[in-house]
Amino acid sequence: MKNFVTAMMVVAIATPAYAQMSPNLAGPGAKLKTDVDVQQEQERESGFKSGLSKIPDSKAKVDPWGNVRSAPAPSNQTQARPAPK
């Protein structure tokens, strides 16, 4: 029974480690890209870049909490302390 529990502990520890190992993605069965695949990828990339260029730049920062915060104190004036009594 003790051997069974030990074996189950080893399996429980080894399973997450095995799941993190990547399969041979660039191994002997790797598919090489054809000229058509390369051309389609370049077309997708150029379409993506042209779509990004059509997005307008943001004009100003949006402050959703701006109406909750108090106005910042002017930096050139110092705050007066009340006189001690």
PDB file of N, CA and C in Angstrom:
ATOM      1  N   MET A   1       0.825  -1.193   0.000  1.00  0.00           N
ATOM      2  CA  MET A   1       0.000   0.000   0.000  1.00  0.00           C
ATOM      3  C   MET A   1       0.874   1.263   0.000  1.00  0.00           C
ATOM      4  N   LYS A   2       1.965   1.204   0.742  1.00  0.00           N
ATOM      5  CA  LYS A   2       2.866   2.346   0.811  1.00  0.00           C
ATOM      6  C   LYS A   2       3.513   2.592  -0.555  1.00  0.00           C
ATOM      7  N   ASN A   3       3.838   1.545  -1.277  1.00  0.00           N
ATOM      8  CA  ASN A   3       4.414   1.683  -2.616  1.00  0.00           C
ATOM      9  C   ASN A   3       3.404   2.291  -3.587  1.00  0.00           C
ATOM     10  N   PHE A   4       2.153   1.918  -3.435  1.00  0.00           N
ATOM     11  CA  PHE A   4       1.104   2.459  -4.303  1.00  0.00           C
ATOM     12  C   PHE A   4       0.943   3.961  -4.073  1.00  0.00           C
ATOM     13  N   VAL A   5       0.939   4.390  -2.818  1.00  0.00           N
ATOM     14  CA  VAL A   5       0.802   5.799  -2.486  1.00  0.00           C
ATOM     15  C   VAL A   5       2.006   6.582  -3.014  1.00  0.00           C
ATOM     16  N   THR A   6       3.191   6.007  -2.885  1.00  0.00           N
ATOM     17  CA  THR A   6       4.401   6.655  -3.395  1.00  0.00           C
ATOM     18  C   THR A   6       4.340   6.798  -4.911  1.00  0.00           C
ATOM     19  N   ALA A   7       3.884   5.759  -5.580  1.00  0.00           N
ATOM     20  CA  ALA A   7       3.762   5.815  -7.041  1.00  0.00           C
ATOM     21  C   ALA A   7       2.746   6.861  -7.465  1.00  0.00           C
ATOM     22  N   MET A   8       1.656   6.974  -6.753  1.00  0.00           N
ATOM     23  CA  MET A   8       0.633   7.971  -7.087  1.00  0.00           C
ATOM     24  C   MET A   8       1.167   9.396  -6.844  1.00  0.00           C
ATOM     25  N   MET A   9       1.985   9.566  -5.818  1.00  0.00           N
ATOM     26  CA  MET A   9       2.589  10.875  -5.563  1.00  0.00           C
ATOM     27  C   MET A   9       3.527  11.270  -6.707  1.00  0.00           C
ATOM     28  N   VAL A  10       4.309  10.326  -7.183  1.00  0.00           N
ATOM     29  CA  VAL A  10       5.233  10.593  -8.287  1.00  0.00           C
ATOM     30  C   VAL A  10       4.451  10.947  -9.546  1.00  0.00           C
ATOM     31  N   VAL A  11       3.380  10.221  -9.808  1.00  0.00           N
ATOM     32  CA  VAL A  11       2.550  10.496 -10.984  1.00  0.00           C
ATOM     33  C   VAL A  11       1.906  11.874 -10.855  1.00  0.00           C
ATOM     34  N   ALA A  12       1.422  12.216  -9.662  1.00  0.00           N
ATOM     35  CA  ALA A  12       0.764  13.510  -9.456  1.00  0.00           C
ATOM     36  C   ALA A  12       1.753  14.662  -9.639  1.00  0.00           C
ATOM     37  N   ILE A  13       2.989  14.457  -9.252  1.00  0.00           N
ATOM     38  CA  ILE A  13       3.999  15.504  -9.411  1.00  0.00           C
ATOM     39  C   ILE A  13       4.486  15.589 -10.854  1.00  0.00           C
ATOM     40  N   ALA A  14       4.597  14.458 -11.527  1.00  0.00           N
ATOM     41  CA  ALA A  14       5.155  14.424 -12.881  1.00  0.00           C
ATOM     42  C   ALA A  14       4.151  14.890 -13.936  1.00  0.00           C
ATOM     43  N   THR A  15       2.862  14.784 -13.687  1.00  0.00           N
ATOM     44  CA  THR A  15       1.860  15.131 -14.697  1.00  0.00           C
ATOM     45  C   THR A  15       1.917  16.609 -15.081  1.00  0.00           C
ATOM     46  N   PRO A  16       1.948  17.569 -14.151  1.00  0.00           N
ATOM     47  CA  PRO A  16       2.045  18.972 -14.579  1.00  0.00           C
ATOM     48  C   PRO A  16       3.352  19.271 -15.318  1.00  0.00           C
ATOM     49  N   ALA A  17       4.422  18.634 -14.919  1.00  0.00           N
ATOM     50  CA  ALA A  17       5.703  18.857 -15.590  1.00  0.00           C
ATOM     51  C   ALA A  17       5.651  18.317 -17.019  1.00  0.00           C
ATOM     52  N   TYR A  18       5.006  17.196 -17.215  1.00  0.00           N
ATOM     53  CA  TYR A  18       4.886  16.630 -18.555  1.00  0.00           C
ATOM     54  C   TYR A  18       4.006  17.511 -19.435  1.00  0.00           C
ATOM     55  N   ALA A  19       2.998  18.131 -18.860  1.00  0.00           N
ATOM     56  CA  ALA A  19       2.089  18.980 -19.633  1.00  0.00           C
ATOM     57  C   ALA A  19       2.780  20.240 -20.128  1.00  0.00           C
ATOM     58  N   GLN A  20       3.839  20.676 -19.449  1.00  0.00           N
ATOM     59  CA  GLN A  20       4.541  21.884 -19.854  1.00  0.00           C
ATOM     60  C   GLN A  20       5.539  21.641 -20.974  1.00  0.00           C
ATOM     61  N   MET A  21       5.872  20.393 -21.233  1.00  0.00           N
ATOM     62  CA  MET A  21       6.822  20.090 -22.303  1.00  0.00           C
ATOM     63  C   MET A  21       6.145  20.308 -23.648  1.00  0.00           C
ATOM     64  N   SER A  22       6.826  20.989 -24.554  1.00  0.00           N
ATOM     65  CA  SER A  22       6.242  21.256 -25.858  1.00  0.00           C
ATOM     66  C   SER A  22       6.578  20.109 -26.810  1.00  0.00           C
ATOM     67  N   PRO A  23       5.662  19.795 -27.675  1.00  0.00           N
ATOM     68  CA  PRO A  23       5.955  18.755 -28.668  1.00  0.00           C
ATOM     69  C   PRO A  23       6.958  19.287 -29.691  1.00  0.00           C
ATOM     70  N   ASN A  24       7.484  18.414 -30.487  1.00  0.00           N
ATOM     71  CA  ASN A  24       8.456  18.814 -31.514  1.00  0.00           C
ATOM     72  C   ASN A  24       7.728  19.557 -32.624  1.00  0.00           C
ATOM     73  N   LEU A  25       7.645  20.867 -32.490  1.00  0.00           N
ATOM     74  CA  LEU A  25       6.946  21.662 -33.493  1.00  0.00           C
ATOM     75  C   LEU A  25       7.773  21.811 -34.760  1.00  0.00           C
ATOM     76  N   ALA A  26       9.080  21.882 -34.630  1.00  0.00           N
ATOM     77  CA  ALA A  26       9.944  22.033 -35.790  1.00  0.00           C
ATOM     78  C   ALA A  26      10.704  20.736 -36.052  1.00  0.00           C
ATOM     79  N   GLY A  27      10.105  19.640 -35.694  1.00  0.00           N
ATOM     80  CA  GLY A  27      10.766  18.343 -35.843  1.00  0.00           C
ATOM     81  C   GLY A  27      10.730  17.852 -37.270  1.00  0.00           C
ATOM     82  N   PRO A  28      10.940  16.576 -37.464  1.00  0.00           N
ATOM     83  CA  PRO A  28      11.000  16.021 -38.817  1.00  0.00           C
ATOM     84  C   PRO A  28       9.685  16.122 -39.584  1.00  0.00           C
ATOM     85  N   GLY A  29       8.567  16.230 -38.895  1.00  0.00           N
ATOM     86  CA  GLY A  29       7.267  16.315 -39.573  1.00  0.00           C
ATOM     87  C   GLY A  29       6.822  17.740 -39.796  1.00  0.00           C
ATOM     88  N   ALA A  30       7.715  18.710 -39.663  1.00  0.00           N
ATOM     89  CA  ALA A  30       7.348  20.114 -39.811  1.00  0.00           C
ATOM     90  C   ALA A  30       7.009  20.419 -41.271  1.00  0.00           C
ATOM     91  N   LYS A  31       5.964  21.211 -41.450  1.00  0.00           N
ATOM     92  CA  LYS A  31       5.518  21.568 -42.795  1.00  0.00           C
ATOM     93  C   LYS A  31       6.239  22.840 -43.233  1.00  0.00           C
ATOM     94  N   LEU A  32       6.857  22.818 -44.387  1.00  0.00           N
ATOM     95  CA  LEU A  32       7.528  23.985 -44.936  1.00  0.00           C
ATOM     96  C   LEU A  32       6.515  24.864 -45.651  1.00  0.00           C
ATOM     97  N   LYS A  33       6.724  26.165 -45.611  1.00  0.00           N
ATOM     98  CA  LYS A  33       5.807  27.091 -46.260  1.00  0.00           C
ATOM     99  C   LYS A  33       6.087  27.130 -47.752  1.00  0.00           C
ATOM    100  N   THR A  34       5.023  27.146 -48.526  1.00  0.00           N
ATOM    101  CA  THR A  34       5.146  27.267 -49.971  1.00  0.00           C
ATOM    102  C   THR A  34       5.131  28.750 -50.339  1.00  0.00           C
ATOM    103  N   ASP A  35       5.370  29.033 -51.607  1.00  0.00           N
ATOM    104  CA  ASP A  35       5.346  30.420 -52.078  1.00  0.00           C
ATOM    105  C   ASP A  35       3.963  31.033 -51.892  1.00  0.00           C
ATOM    106  N   VAL A  36       2.926  30.231 -52.080  1.00  0.00           N
ATOM    107  CA  VAL A  36       1.559  30.720 -51.911  1.00  0.00           C
ATOM    108  C   VAL A  36       1.310  31.080 -50.455  1.00  0.00           C
ATOM    109  N   ASP A  37       1.780  30.231 -49.545  1.00  0.00           N
ATOM    110  CA  ASP A  37       1.614  30.505 -48.117  1.00  0.00           C
ATOM    111  C   ASP A  37       2.341  31.780 -47.709  1.00  0.00           C
ATOM    112  N   VAL A  38       3.543  31.973 -48.214  1.00  0.00           N
ATOM    113  CA  VAL A  38       4.319  33.171 -47.899  1.00  0.00           C
ATOM    114  C   VAL A  38       3.615  34.404 -48.446  1.00  0.00           C
ATOM    115  N   GLN A  39       3.083  34.313 -49.651  1.00  0.00           N
ATOM    116  CA  GLN A  39       2.391  35.449 -50.261  1.00  0.00           C
ATOM    117  C   GLN A  39       1.117  35.786 -49.473  1.00  0.00           C
ATOM    118  N   GLN A  40       0.355  34.771 -49.072  1.00  0.00           N
ATOM    119  CA  GLN A  40      -0.853  35.016 -48.292  1.00  0.00           C
ATOM    120  C   GLN A  40      -0.517  35.649 -46.946  1.00  0.00           C
ATOM    121  N   GLU A  41       0.564  35.213 -46.327  1.00  0.00           N
ATOM    122  CA  GLU A  41       0.975  35.782 -45.047  1.00  0.00           C
ATOM    123  C   GLU A  41       1.374  37.250 -45.213  1.00  0.00           C
ATOM    124  N   GLN A  42       2.072  37.581 -46.303  1.00  0.00           N
ATOM    125  CA  GLN A  42       2.453  38.972 -46.557  1.00  0.00           C
ATOM    126  C   GLN A  42       1.227  39.838 -46.810  1.00  0.00           C
ATOM    127  N   GLU A  43       0.218  39.292 -47.512  1.00  0.00           N
ATOM    128  CA  GLU A  43      -1.013  40.039 -47.763  1.00  0.00           C
ATOM    129  C   GLU A  43      -1.759  40.304 -46.458  1.00  0.00           C
ATOM    130  N   ARG A  44      -1.816  39.301 -45.585  1.00  0.00           N
ATOM    131  CA  ARG A  44      -2.469  39.481 -44.291  1.00  0.00           C
ATOM    132  C   ARG A  44      -1.732  40.538 -43.462  1.00  0.00           C
ATOM    133  N   GLU A  45      -0.409  40.481 -43.500  1.00  0.00           N
ATOM    134  CA  GLU A  45       0.391  41.434 -42.737  1.00  0.00           C
ATOM    135  C   GLU A  45       0.194  42.854 -43.266  1.00  0.00           C
ATOM    136  N   SER A  46       0.171  43.025 -44.584  1.00  0.00           N
ATOM    137  CA  SER A  46      -0.029  44.362 -45.145  1.00  0.00           C
ATOM    138  C   SER A  46      -1.437  44.864 -44.853  1.00  0.00           C
ATOM    139  N   GLY A  47      -2.427  43.977 -44.880  1.00  0.00           N
ATOM    140  CA  GLY A  47      -3.788  44.363 -44.520  1.00  0.00           C
ATOM    141  C   GLY A  47      -3.888  44.783 -43.067  1.00  0.00           C
ATOM    142  N   PHE A  48      -3.190  44.087 -42.204  1.00  0.00           N
ATOM    143  CA  PHE A  48      -3.174  44.431 -40.790  1.00  0.00           C
ATOM    144  C   PHE A  48      -2.545  45.800 -40.581  1.00  0.00           C
ATOM    145  N   LYS A  49      -1.426  46.059 -41.241  1.00  0.00           N
ATOM    146  CA  LYS A  49      -0.742  47.340 -41.084  1.00  0.00           C
ATOM    147  C   LYS A  49      -1.580  48.481 -41.648  1.00  0.00           C
ATOM    148  N   SER A  50      -2.262  48.253 -42.768  1.00  0.00           N
ATOM    149  CA  SER A  50      -3.092  49.314 -43.321  1.00  0.00           C
ATOM    150  C   SER A  50      -4.300  49.567 -42.418  1.00  0.00           C
ATOM    151  N   GLY A  51      -4.815  48.530 -41.780  1.00  0.00           N
ATOM    152  CA  GLY A  51      -5.910  48.715 -40.838  1.00  0.00           C
ATOM    153  C   GLY A  51      -5.474  49.495 -39.617  1.00  0.00           C
ATOM    154  N   LEU A  52      -4.260  49.249 -39.153  1.00  0.00           N
ATOM    155  CA  LEU A  52      -3.745  50.006 -38.012  1.00  0.00           C
ATOM    156  C   LEU A  52      -3.548  51.473 -38.351  1.00  0.00           C
ATOM    157  N   SER A  53      -3.163  51.746 -39.592  1.00  0.00           N
ATOM    158  CA  SER A  53      -2.933  53.141 -39.975  1.00  0.00           C
ATOM    159  C   SER A  53      -4.247  53.913 -40.059  1.00  0.00           C
ATOM    160  N   LYS A  54      -5.377  53.239 -40.202  1.00  0.00           N
ATOM    161  CA  LYS A  54      -6.675  53.911 -40.300  1.00  0.00           C
ATOM    162  C   LYS A  54      -7.247  54.275 -38.932  1.00  0.00           C
ATOM    163  N   ILE A  55      -6.685  53.732 -37.860  1.00  0.00           N
ATOM    164  CA  ILE A  55      -7.175  54.026 -36.516  1.00  0.00           C
ATOM    165  C   ILE A  55      -6.690  55.420 -36.129  1.00  0.00           C
ATOM    166  N   PRO A  56      -7.612  56.311 -35.759  1.00  0.00           N
ATOM    167  CA  PRO A  56      -7.177  57.671 -35.407  1.00  0.00           C
ATOM    168  C   PRO A  56      -6.468  57.675 -34.058  1.00  0.00           C
ATOM    169  N   ASP A  57      -5.558  58.653 -33.905  1.00  0.00           N
ATOM    170  CA  ASP A  57      -4.860  58.812 -32.638  1.00  0.00           C
ATOM    171  C   ASP A  57      -5.814  59.442 -31.626  1.00  0.00           C
ATOM    172  N   SER A  58      -5.625  59.090 -30.373  1.00  0.00           N
ATOM    173  CA  SER A  58      -6.472  59.680 -29.341  1.00  0.00           C
ATOM    174  C   SER A  58      -6.060  61.138 -29.139  1.00  0.00           C
ATOM    175  N   LYS A  59      -7.030  61.987 -29.011  1.00  0.00           N
ATOM    176  CA  LYS A  59      -6.774  63.420 -28.916  1.00  0.00           C
ATOM    177  C   LYS A  59      -6.323  63.810 -27.503  1.00  0.00           C
ATOM    178  N   ALA A  60      -7.002  63.322 -26.495  1.00  0.00           N
ATOM    179  CA  ALA A  60      -6.669  63.694 -25.124  1.00  0.00           C
ATOM    180  C   ALA A  60      -6.869  62.476 -24.229  1.00  0.00           C
ATOM    181  N   LYS A  61      -6.207  62.518 -23.095  1.00  0.00           N
ATOM    182  CA  LYS A  61      -6.383  61.432 -22.145  1.00  0.00           C
ATOM    183  C   LYS A  61      -7.764  61.524 -21.517  1.00  0.00           C
ATOM    184  N   VAL A  62      -8.378  60.392 -21.329  1.00  0.00           N
ATOM    185  CA  VAL A  62      -9.678  60.334 -20.705  1.00  0.00           C
ATOM    186  C   VAL A  62      -9.465  60.014 -19.233  1.00  0.00           C
ATOM    187  N   ASP A  63     -10.052  60.818 -18.363  1.00  0.00           N
ATOM    188  CA  ASP A  63      -9.940  60.608 -16.930  1.00  0.00           C
ATOM    189  C   ASP A  63     -11.337  60.333 -16.381  1.00  0.00           C
ATOM    190  N   PRO A  64     -11.713  59.060 -16.246  1.00  0.00           N
ATOM    191  CA  PRO A  64     -13.062  58.745 -15.791  1.00  0.00           C
ATOM    192  C   PRO A  64     -13.318  59.180 -14.348  1.00  0.00           C
ATOM    193  N   TRP A  65     -12.288  59.364 -13.552  1.00  0.00           N
ATOM    194  CA  TRP A  65     -12.454  59.780 -12.167  1.00  0.00           C
ATOM    195  C   TRP A  65     -12.206  61.281 -12.002  1.00  0.00           C
ATOM    196  N   GLY A  66     -12.137  62.014 -13.082  1.00  0.00           N
ATOM    197  CA  GLY A  66     -11.825  63.432 -13.013  1.00  0.00           C
ATOM    198  C   GLY A  66     -12.844  64.242 -12.236  1.00  0.00           C
ATOM    199  N   ASN A  67     -14.128  63.913 -12.340  1.00  0.00           N
ATOM    200  CA  ASN A  67     -15.136  64.685 -11.635  1.00  0.00           C
ATOM    201  C   ASN A  67     -15.213  64.300 -10.154  1.00  0.00           C
ATOM    202  N   VAL A  68     -14.572  63.224  -9.752  1.00  0.00           N
ATOM    203  CA  VAL A  68     -14.571  62.803  -8.358  1.00  0.00           C
ATOM    204  C   VAL A  68     -13.438  63.475  -7.603  1.00  0.00           C
ATOM    205  N   ARG A  69     -12.312  63.639  -8.241  1.00  0.00           N
ATOM    206  CA  ARG A  69     -11.145  64.244  -7.608  1.00  0.00           C
ATOM    207  C   ARG A  69     -11.334  65.745  -7.466  1.00  0.00           C
ATOM    208  N   SER A  70     -10.714  66.299  -6.421  1.00  0.00           N
ATOM    209  CA  SER A  70     -10.740  67.746  -6.276  1.00  0.00           C
ATOM    210  C   SER A  70      -9.680  68.341  -7.205  1.00  0.00           C
ATOM    211  N   ALA A  71      -9.820  69.604  -7.474  1.00  0.00           N
ATOM    212  CA  ALA A  71      -8.873  70.275  -8.369  1.00  0.00           C
ATOM    213  C   ALA A  71      -7.507  70.316  -7.696  1.00  0.00           C
ATOM    214  N   PRO A  72      -6.432  70.100  -8.446  1.00  0.00           N
ATOM    215  CA  PRO A  72      -5.101  70.145  -7.838  1.00  0.00           C
ATOM    216  C   PRO A  72      -4.761  71.561  -7.373  1.00  0.00           C
ATOM    217  N   ALA A  73      -4.035  71.636  -6.279  1.00  0.00           N
ATOM    218  CA  ALA A  73      -3.651  72.936  -5.731  1.00  0.00           C
ATOM    219  C   ALA A  73      -2.635  73.588  -6.660  1.00  0.00           C
ATOM    220  N   PRO A  74      -2.694  74.904  -6.816  1.00  0.00           N
ATOM    221  CA  PRO A  74      -1.696  75.586  -7.648  1.00  0.00           C
ATOM    222  C   PRO A  74      -0.312  75.368  -7.067  1.00  0.00           C
ATOM    223  N   SER A  75       0.635  75.123  -7.935  1.00  0.00           N
ATOM    224  CA  SER A  75       1.985  74.786  -7.482  1.00  0.00           C
ATOM    225  C   SER A  75       2.779  75.998  -7.030  1.00  0.00           C
ATOM    226  N   ASN A  76       2.423  77.220  -7.455  1.00  0.00           N
ATOM    227  CA  ASN A  76       3.208  78.397  -7.095  1.00  0.00           C
ATOM    228  C   ASN A  76       2.784  79.013  -5.767  1.00  0.00           C
ATOM    229  N   GLN A  77       1.703  78.573  -5.185  1.00  0.00           N
ATOM    230  CA  GLN A  77       1.246  79.100  -3.909  1.00  0.00           C
ATOM    231  C   GLN A  77       1.451  78.040  -2.828  1.00  0.00           C
ATOM    232  N   THR A  78       1.794  78.498  -1.649  1.00  0.00           N
ATOM    233  CA  THR A  78       1.926  77.581  -0.528  1.00  0.00           C
ATOM    234  C   THR A  78       0.665  77.653   0.307  1.00  0.00           C
ATOM    235  N   GLN A  79       0.327  76.577   0.935  1.00  0.00           N
ATOM    236  CA  GLN A  79      -0.875  76.556   1.769  1.00  0.00           C
ATOM    237  C   GLN A  79      -0.558  77.202   3.111  1.00  0.00           C
ATOM    238  N   ALA A  80      -1.409  78.089   3.554  1.00  0.00           N
ATOM    239  CA  ALA A  80      -1.221  78.778   4.836  1.00  0.00           C
ATOM    240  C   ALA A  80      -1.706  77.891   5.961  1.00  0.00           C
ATOM    241  N   ARG A  81      -0.919  77.812   7.012  1.00  0.00           N
ATOM    242  CA  ARG A  81      -1.306  77.038   8.180  1.00  0.00           C
ATOM    243  C   ARG A  81      -2.029  77.958   9.147  1.00  0.00           C
ATOM    244  N   PRO A  82      -2.980  77.422   9.860  1.00  0.00           N
ATOM    245  CA  PRO A  82      -3.653  78.274  10.848  1.00  0.00           C
ATOM    246  C   PRO A  82      -2.683  78.616  11.996  1.00  0.00           C
ATOM    247  N   ALA A  83      -2.847  79.798  12.524  1.00  0.00           N
ATOM    248  CA  ALA A  83      -1.977  80.253  13.609  1.00  0.00           C
ATOM    249  C   ALA A  83      -2.252  79.453  14.863  1.00  0.00           C
ATOM    250  N   PRO A  84      -1.218  79.065  15.598  1.00  0.00           N
ATOM    251  CA  PRO A  84      -1.439  78.318  16.842  1.00  0.00           C
ATOM    252  C   PRO A  84      -2.109  79.207  17.892  1.00  0.00           C
ATOM    253  N   LYS A  85      -2.922  78.624  18.727  1.00  0.00           N
ATOM    254  CA  LYS A  85      -3.661  79.388  19.742  1.00  0.00           C
ATOM    255  C   LYS A  85      -2.962  79.375  21.054  1.00  0.00           C
TER     256      LYS A  85
END
